[in-house]
PDB file of all heavy atoms in Angstrom:
ATOM      1  N   TYR A   1      -1.784  11.683   6.352  1.00  0.00           N
ATOM      2  CA  TYR A   1      -1.535  11.758   7.789  1.00  0.00           C
ATOM      3  C   TYR A   1      -2.134  10.521   8.434  1.00  0.00           C
ATOM      4  O   TYR A   1      -3.334  10.256   8.296  1.00  0.00           O
ATOM      5  CB  TYR A   1      -2.146  13.022   8.387  1.00  0.00           C
ATOM      6  CG  TYR A   1      -1.800  13.185   9.852  1.00  0.00           C
ATOM      7  CD1 TYR A   1      -0.534  13.602  10.233  1.00  0.00           C
ATOM      8  CD2 TYR A   1      -2.721  12.881  10.838  1.00  0.00           C
ATOM      9  CE1 TYR A   1      -0.190  13.727  11.559  1.00  0.00           C
ATOM     10  CE2 TYR A   1      -2.391  13.003  12.181  1.00  0.00           C
ATOM     11  CZ  TYR A   1      -1.123  13.432  12.540  1.00  0.00           C
ATOM     12  OH  TYR A   1      -0.786  13.540  13.858  1.00  0.00           O
ATOM     13  N   ASP A   2      -1.305   9.736   9.103  1.00  0.00           N
ATOM     14  CA  ASP A   2      -1.743   8.514   9.758  1.00  0.00           C
ATOM     15  C   ASP A   2      -2.212   8.848  11.171  1.00  0.00           C
ATOM     16  O   ASP A   2      -1.403   9.186  12.030  1.00  0.00           O
ATOM     17  CB  ASP A   2      -0.597   7.505   9.794  1.00  0.00           C
ATOM     18  CG  ASP A   2      -1.021   6.134  10.284  1.00  0.00           C
ATOM     19  OD1 ASP A   2      -2.183   5.972  10.701  1.00  0.00           O
ATOM     20  OD2 ASP A   2      -0.176   5.223  10.250  1.00  0.00           O
ATOM     21  N   GLU A   3      -3.516   8.780  11.386  1.00  0.00           N
ATOM     22  CA  GLU A   3      -4.101   9.099  12.695  1.00  0.00           C
ATOM     23  C   GLU A   3      -3.620   8.134  13.770  1.00  0.00           C
ATOM     24  O   GLU A   3      -3.441   8.518  14.923  1.00  0.00           O
ATOM     25  CB  GLU A   3      -5.637   9.074  12.614  1.00  0.00           C
ATOM     26  CG  GLU A   3      -6.227  10.199  11.795  1.00  0.00           C
ATOM     27  CD  GLU A   3      -6.067  11.561  12.449  1.00  0.00           C
ATOM     28  OE1 GLU A   3      -5.926  11.646  13.683  1.00  0.00           O
ATOM     29  OE2 GLU A   3      -6.058  12.557  11.700  1.00  0.00           O
ATOM     30  N   LYS A   4      -3.420   6.871  13.396  1.00  0.00           N
ATOM     31  CA  LYS A   4      -3.002   5.853  14.362  1.00  0.00           C
ATOM     32  C   LYS A   4      -1.601   6.143  14.906  1.00  0.00           C
ATOM     33  O   LYS A   4      -1.376   6.112  16.106  1.00  0.00           O
ATOM     34  CB  LYS A   4      -3.045   4.481  13.698  1.00  0.00           C
ATOM     35  CG  LYS A   4      -2.644   3.335  14.586  1.00  0.00           C
ATOM     36  CD  LYS A   4      -2.695   2.028  13.815  1.00  0.00           C
ATOM     37  CE  LYS A   4      -1.841   1.002  14.515  1.00  0.00           C
ATOM     38  NZ  LYS A   4      -1.473  -0.095  13.641  1.00  0.00           N
ATOM     39  N   ASP A   5      -0.666   6.420  14.007  1.00  0.00           N
ATOM     40  CA  ASP A   5       0.730   6.680  14.406  1.00  0.00           C
ATOM     41  C   ASP A   5       1.010   8.160  14.661  1.00  0.00           C
ATOM     42  O   ASP A   5       2.103   8.514  15.094  1.00  0.00           O
ATOM     43  CB  ASP A   5       1.687   6.164  13.332  1.00  0.00           C
ATOM     44  CG  ASP A   5       1.676   4.652  13.224  1.00  0.00           C
ATOM     45  OD1 ASP A   5       1.240   3.991  14.178  1.00  0.00           O
ATOM     46  OD2 ASP A   5       2.104   4.136  12.167  1.00  0.00           O
ATOM     47  N   LYS A   6       0.061   9.020  14.331  1.00  0.00           N
ATOM     48  CA  LYS A   6       0.197  10.475  14.503  1.00  0.00           C
ATOM     49  C   LYS A   6       1.412  11.018  13.760  1.00  0.00           C
ATOM     50  O   LYS A   6       2.217  11.772  14.299  1.00  0.00           O
ATOM     51  CB  LYS A   6       0.289  10.845  15.996  1.00  0.00           C
ATOM     52  CG  LYS A   6      -0.878  10.384  16.830  1.00  0.00           C
ATOM     53  CD  LYS A   6      -2.067  11.257  16.596  1.00  0.00           C
ATOM     54  CE  LYS A   6      -3.183  10.890  17.566  1.00  0.00           C
ATOM     55  NZ  LYS A   6      -4.472  10.860  16.956  1.00  0.00           N
ATOM     56  N   CYS A   7       1.551  10.630  12.493  1.00  0.00           N
ATOM     57  CA  CYS A   7       2.660  11.136  11.683  1.00  0.00           C
ATOM     58  C   CYS A   7       2.276  11.124  10.203  1.00  0.00           C
ATOM     59  O   CYS A   7       1.338  10.452   9.794  1.00  0.00           O
ATOM     60  CB  CYS A   7       3.932  10.326  11.910  1.00  0.00           C
ATOM     61  SG  CYS A   7       3.833   8.638  11.360  1.00  0.00           S
ATOM     62  N   THR A   8       3.043  11.861   9.423  1.00  0.00           N
ATOM     63  CA  THR A   8       2.834  11.933   7.982  1.00  0.00           C
ATOM     64  C   THR A   8       3.555  10.773   7.312  1.00  0.00           C
ATOM     65  O   THR A   8       4.687  10.451   7.669  1.00  0.00           O
ATOM     66  CB  THR A   8       3.360  13.268   7.439  1.00  0.00           C
ATOM     67  OG1 THR A   8       2.664  14.327   8.096  1.00  0.00           O
ATOM     68  CG2 THR A   8       3.157  13.380   5.948  1.00  0.00           C
ATOM     69  N   LYS A   9       2.899  10.169   6.336  1.00  0.00           N
ATOM     70  CA  LYS A   9       3.485   9.055   5.591  1.00  0.00           C
ATOM     71  C   LYS A   9       3.254   9.279   4.101  1.00  0.00           C
ATOM     72  O   LYS A   9       2.481  10.140   3.709  1.00  0.00           O
ATOM     73  CB  LYS A   9       2.848   7.735   6.030  1.00  0.00           C
ATOM     74  CG  LYS A   9       3.144   7.394   7.470  1.00  0.00           C
ATOM     75  CD  LYS A   9       2.675   6.024   7.840  1.00  0.00           C
ATOM     76  CE  LYS A   9       3.088   5.743   9.277  1.00  0.00           C
ATOM     77  NZ  LYS A   9       2.891   4.382   9.648  1.00  0.00           N
ATOM     78  N   ALA A  10       3.931   8.487   3.300  1.00  0.00           N
ATOM     79  CA  ALA A  10       3.765   8.543   1.852  1.00  0.00           C
ATOM     80  C   ALA A  10       2.937   7.342   1.414  1.00  0.00           C
ATOM     81  O   ALA A  10       3.193   6.220   1.843  1.00  0.00           O
ATOM     82  CB  ALA A  10       5.122   8.525   1.164  1.00  0.00           C
ATOM     83  N   GLU A  11       1.957   7.610   0.553  1.00  0.00           N
ATOM     84  CA  GLU A  11       1.120   6.541   0.020  1.00  0.00           C
ATOM     85  C   GLU A  11       1.306   6.501  -1.492  1.00  0.00           C
ATOM     86  O   GLU A  11       1.006   7.460  -2.189  1.00  0.00           O
ATOM     87  CB  GLU A  11      -0.347   6.791   0.358  1.00  0.00           C
ATOM     88  CG  GLU A  11      -1.281   5.741  -0.223  1.00  0.00           C
ATOM     89  CD  GLU A  11      -2.741   6.091   0.011  1.00  0.00           C
ATOM     90  OE1 GLU A  11      -3.226   7.058  -0.622  1.00  0.00           O
ATOM     91  OE2 GLU A  11      -3.367   5.420   0.831  1.00  0.00           O
ATOM     92  N   ALA A  12       1.823   5.382  -1.964  1.00  0.00           N
ATOM     93  CA  ALA A  12       1.962   5.177  -3.407  1.00  0.00           C
ATOM     94  C   ALA A  12       0.842   4.248  -3.840  1.00  0.00           C
ATOM     95  O   ALA A  12       0.563   3.266  -3.165  1.00  0.00           O
ATOM     96  CB  ALA A  12       3.318   4.555  -3.719  1.00  0.00           C
ATOM     97  N   TYR A  13       0.186   4.590  -4.924  1.00  0.00           N
ATOM     98  CA  TYR A  13      -0.833   3.685  -5.452  1.00  0.00           C
ATOM     99  C   TYR A  13      -0.397   3.257  -6.832  1.00  0.00           C
ATOM    100  O   TYR A  13       0.083   4.042  -7.638  1.00  0.00           O
ATOM    101  CB  TYR A  13      -2.238   4.288  -5.420  1.00  0.00           C
ATOM    102  CG  TYR A  13      -2.357   5.697  -5.905  1.00  0.00           C
ATOM    103  CD1 TYR A  13      -2.770   5.974  -7.197  1.00  0.00           C
ATOM    104  CD2 TYR A  13      -2.063   6.769  -5.067  1.00  0.00           C
ATOM    105  CE1 TYR A  13      -2.890   7.275  -7.641  1.00  0.00           C
ATOM    106  CE2 TYR A  13      -2.166   8.077  -5.511  1.00  0.00           C
ATOM    107  CZ  TYR A  13      -2.580   8.319  -6.794  1.00  0.00           C
ATOM    108  OH  TYR A  13      -2.677   9.604  -7.239  1.00  0.00           O
ATOM    109  N   ALA A  14      -0.533   1.949  -7.052  1.00  0.00           N
ATOM    110  CA  ALA A  14       0.008   1.362  -8.267  1.00  0.00           C
ATOM    111  C   ALA A  14      -1.023   0.497  -8.966  1.00  0.00           C
ATOM    112  O   ALA A  14      -1.896  -0.092  -8.329  1.00  0.00           O
ATOM    113  CB  ALA A  14       1.244   0.524  -7.938  1.00  0.00           C
ATOM    114  N   TRP A  15      -0.889   0.426 -10.268  1.00  0.00           N
ATOM    115  CA  TRP A  15      -1.691  -0.473 -11.081  1.00  0.00           C
ATOM    116  C   TRP A  15      -0.888  -1.750 -11.257  1.00  0.00           C
ATOM    117  O   TRP A  15       0.295  -1.720 -11.591  1.00  0.00           O
ATOM    118  CB  TRP A  15      -1.989   0.162 -12.438  1.00  0.00           C
ATOM    119  CG  TRP A  15      -2.669  -0.768 -13.375  1.00  0.00           C
ATOM    120  CD1 TRP A  15      -4.002  -1.025 -13.454  1.00  0.00           C
ATOM    121  CD2 TRP A  15      -2.048  -1.582 -14.378  1.00  0.00           C
ATOM    122  NE1 TRP A  15      -4.249  -1.950 -14.425  1.00  0.00           N
ATOM    123  CE2 TRP A  15      -3.065  -2.304 -15.006  1.00  0.00           C
ATOM    124  CE3 TRP A  15      -0.735  -1.764 -14.782  1.00  0.00           C
ATOM    125  CZ2 TRP A  15      -2.809  -3.202 -16.028  1.00  0.00           C
ATOM    126  CZ3 TRP A  15      -0.488  -2.652 -15.797  1.00  0.00           C
ATOM    127  CH2 TRP A  15      -1.511  -3.356 -16.423  1.00  0.00           C
ATOM    128  N   ILE A  16      -1.542  -2.890 -11.000  1.00  0.00           N
ATOM    129  CA  ILE A  16      -0.912  -4.203 -11.115  1.00  0.00           C
ATOM    130  C   ILE A  16      -1.645  -4.988 -12.203  1.00  0.00           C
ATOM    131  O   ILE A  16      -2.875  -4.979 -12.254  1.00  0.00           O
ATOM    132  CB  ILE A  16      -0.980  -4.976  -9.776  1.00  0.00           C
ATOM    133  CG1 ILE A  16      -0.397  -4.143  -8.625  1.00  0.00           C
ATOM    134  CG2 ILE A  16      -0.291  -6.330  -9.889  1.00  0.00           C
ATOM    135  CD1 ILE A  16       1.072  -3.826  -8.742  1.00  0.00           C
ATOM    136  N   GLN A  17      -0.891  -5.688 -13.046  1.00  0.00           N
ATOM    137  CA  GLN A  17      -1.486  -6.487 -14.122  1.00  0.00           C
ATOM    138  C   GLN A  17      -2.457  -7.519 -13.556  1.00  0.00           C
ATOM    139  O   GLN A  17      -2.243  -8.049 -12.463  1.00  0.00           O
ATOM    140  CB  GLN A  17      -0.397  -7.206 -14.920  1.00  0.00           C
ATOM    141  CG  GLN A  17       0.539  -6.285 -15.639  1.00  0.00           C
ATOM    142  CD  GLN A  17       1.731  -7.025 -16.228  1.00  0.00           C
ATOM    143  OE1 GLN A  17       1.788  -8.240 -16.231  1.00  0.00           O
ATOM    144  NE2 GLN A  17       2.704  -6.266 -16.725  1.00  0.00           N
ATOM    145  N   ASP A  18      -3.486  -7.798 -14.322  1.00  0.00           N
ATOM    146  CA  ASP A  18      -4.556  -8.686 -13.884  1.00  0.00           C
ATOM    147  C   ASP A  18      -4.073 -10.095 -13.548  1.00  0.00           C
ATOM    148  O   ASP A  18      -4.569 -10.732 -12.637  1.00  0.00           O
ATOM    149  CB  ASP A  18      -5.643  -8.747 -14.967  1.00  0.00           C
ATOM    150  CG  ASP A  18      -6.971  -9.213 -14.425  1.00  0.00           C
ATOM    151  OD1 ASP A  18      -7.229  -9.008 -13.225  1.00  0.00           O
ATOM    152  OD2 ASP A  18      -7.759  -9.780 -15.201  1.00  0.00           O
ATOM    153  N   ASN A  19      -3.090 -10.600 -14.273  1.00  0.00           N
ATOM    154  CA  ASN A  19      -2.635 -11.973 -14.064  1.00  0.00           C
ATOM    155  C   ASN A  19      -1.558 -12.096 -12.980  1.00  0.00           C
ATOM    156  O   ASN A  19      -1.002 -13.172 -12.783  1.00  0.00           O
ATOM    157  CB  ASN A  19      -2.110 -12.553 -15.385  1.00  0.00           C
ATOM    158  CG  ASN A  19      -0.952 -11.747 -15.932  1.00  0.00           C
ATOM    159  OD1 ASN A  19      -0.707 -10.614 -15.526  1.00  0.00           O
ATOM    160  ND2 ASN A  19      -0.231 -12.316 -16.876  1.00  0.00           N
ATOM    161  N   VAL A  20      -1.257 -11.026 -12.250  1.00  0.00           N
ATOM    162  CA  VAL A  20      -0.239 -11.032 -11.200  1.00  0.00           C
ATOM    163  C   VAL A  20      -0.927 -11.160  -9.849  1.00  0.00           C
ATOM    164  O   VAL A  20      -1.826 -10.387  -9.532  1.00  0.00           O
ATOM    165  CB  VAL A  20       0.615  -9.741 -11.255  1.00  0.00           C
ATOM    166  CG1 VAL A  20       1.557  -9.670 -10.086  1.00  0.00           C
ATOM    167  CG2 VAL A  20       1.365  -9.666 -12.572  1.00  0.00           C
ATOM    168  N   HIS A  21      -0.482 -12.135  -9.063  1.00  0.00           N
ATOM    169  CA  HIS A  21      -1.072 -12.372  -7.744  1.00  0.00           C
ATOM    170  C   HIS A  21      -0.017 -12.091  -6.675  1.00  0.00           C
ATOM    171  O   HIS A  21       1.072 -12.663  -6.706  1.00  0.00           O
ATOM    172  CB  HIS A  21      -1.570 -13.802  -7.626  1.00  0.00           C
ATOM    173  CG  HIS A  21      -2.578 -14.148  -8.681  1.00  0.00           C
ATOM    174  ND1 HIS A  21      -3.832 -13.598  -8.723  1.00  0.00           N
ATOM    175  CD2 HIS A  21      -2.499 -14.980  -9.755  1.00  0.00           C
ATOM    176  CE1 HIS A  21      -4.499 -14.080  -9.756  1.00  0.00           C
ATOM    177  NE2 HIS A  21      -3.702 -14.902 -10.416  1.00  0.00           N
ATOM    178  N   ILE A  22      -0.357 -11.223  -5.728  1.00  0.00           N
ATOM    179  CA  ILE A  22       0.560 -10.821  -4.664  1.00  0.00           C
ATOM    180  C   ILE A  22      -0.015 -11.304  -3.333  1.00  0.00           C
ATOM    181  O   ILE A  22      -1.147 -10.964  -2.985  1.00  0.00           O
ATOM    182  CB  ILE A  22       0.739  -9.292  -4.637  1.00  0.00           C
ATOM    183  CG1 ILE A  22       1.219  -8.790  -5.991  1.00  0.00           C
ATOM    184  CG2 ILE A  22       1.686  -8.885  -3.519  1.00  0.00           C
ATOM    185  CD1 ILE A  22       1.184  -7.281  -6.139  1.00  0.00           C
ATOM    186  N   GLU A  23       0.772 -12.098  -2.602  1.00  0.00           N
ATOM    187  CA  GLU A  23       0.328 -12.576  -1.300  1.00  0.00           C
ATOM    188  C   GLU A  23       0.232 -11.409  -0.331  1.00  0.00           C
ATOM    189  O   GLU A  23       0.984 -10.442  -0.427  1.00  0.00           O
ATOM    190  CB  GLU A  23       1.304 -13.633  -0.749  1.00  0.00           C
ATOM    191  CG  GLU A  23       1.367 -14.911  -1.560  1.00  0.00           C
ATOM    192  CD  GLU A  23       2.329 -14.847  -2.731  1.00  0.00           C
ATOM    193  OE1 GLU A  23       2.975 -13.791  -2.930  1.00  0.00           O
ATOM    194  OE2 GLU A  23       2.422 -15.846  -3.466  1.00  0.00           O
ATOM    195  N   ASN A  24      -0.672 -11.514   0.649  1.00  0.00           N
ATOM    196  CA  ASN A  24      -0.879 -10.384   1.566  1.00  0.00           C
ATOM    197  C   ASN A  24       0.260 -10.197   2.558  1.00  0.00           C
ATOM    198  O   ASN A  24       0.292  -9.202   3.270  1.00  0.00           O
ATOM    199  CB  ASN A  24      -2.222 -10.500   2.288  1.00  0.00           C
ATOM    200  CG  ASN A  24      -2.300 -11.687   3.216  1.00  0.00           C
ATOM    201  OD1 ASN A  24      -1.351 -12.461   3.347  1.00  0.00           O
ATOM    202  ND2 ASN A  24      -3.438 -11.856   3.849  1.00  0.00           N
ATOM    203  N   ASP A  25       1.231 -11.122   2.627  1.00  0.00           N
ATOM    204  CA  ASP A  25       2.395 -10.931   3.498  1.00  0.00           C
ATOM    205  C   ASP A  25       3.665 -10.644   2.699  1.00  0.00           C
ATOM    206  O   ASP A  25       4.780 -10.784   3.199  1.00  0.00           O
ATOM    207  CB  ASP A  25       2.599 -12.147   4.408  1.00  0.00           C
ATOM    208  CG  ASP A  25       2.976 -13.402   3.648  1.00  0.00           C
ATOM    209  OD1 ASP A  25       2.722 -13.475   2.428  1.00  0.00           O
ATOM    210  OD2 ASP A  25       3.522 -14.329   4.278  1.00  0.00           O
ATOM    211  N   ALA A  26       3.491 -10.216   1.443  1.00  0.00           N
ATOM    212  CA  ALA A  26       4.639  -9.875   0.595  1.00  0.00           C
ATOM    213  C   ALA A  26       5.388  -8.687   1.202  1.00  0.00           C
ATOM    214  O   ALA A  26       4.811  -7.865   1.909  1.00  0.00           O
ATOM    215  CB  ALA A  26       4.176  -9.533  -0.815  1.00  0.00           C
TER     216      ALA A  26
END
């Protein structure tokens, strides 16, 4: 439940390989 938007959302959590770099604006 997102308190900021006052709605339910889905949160997926994933494992990413150590040598993979993802920019924060991907």
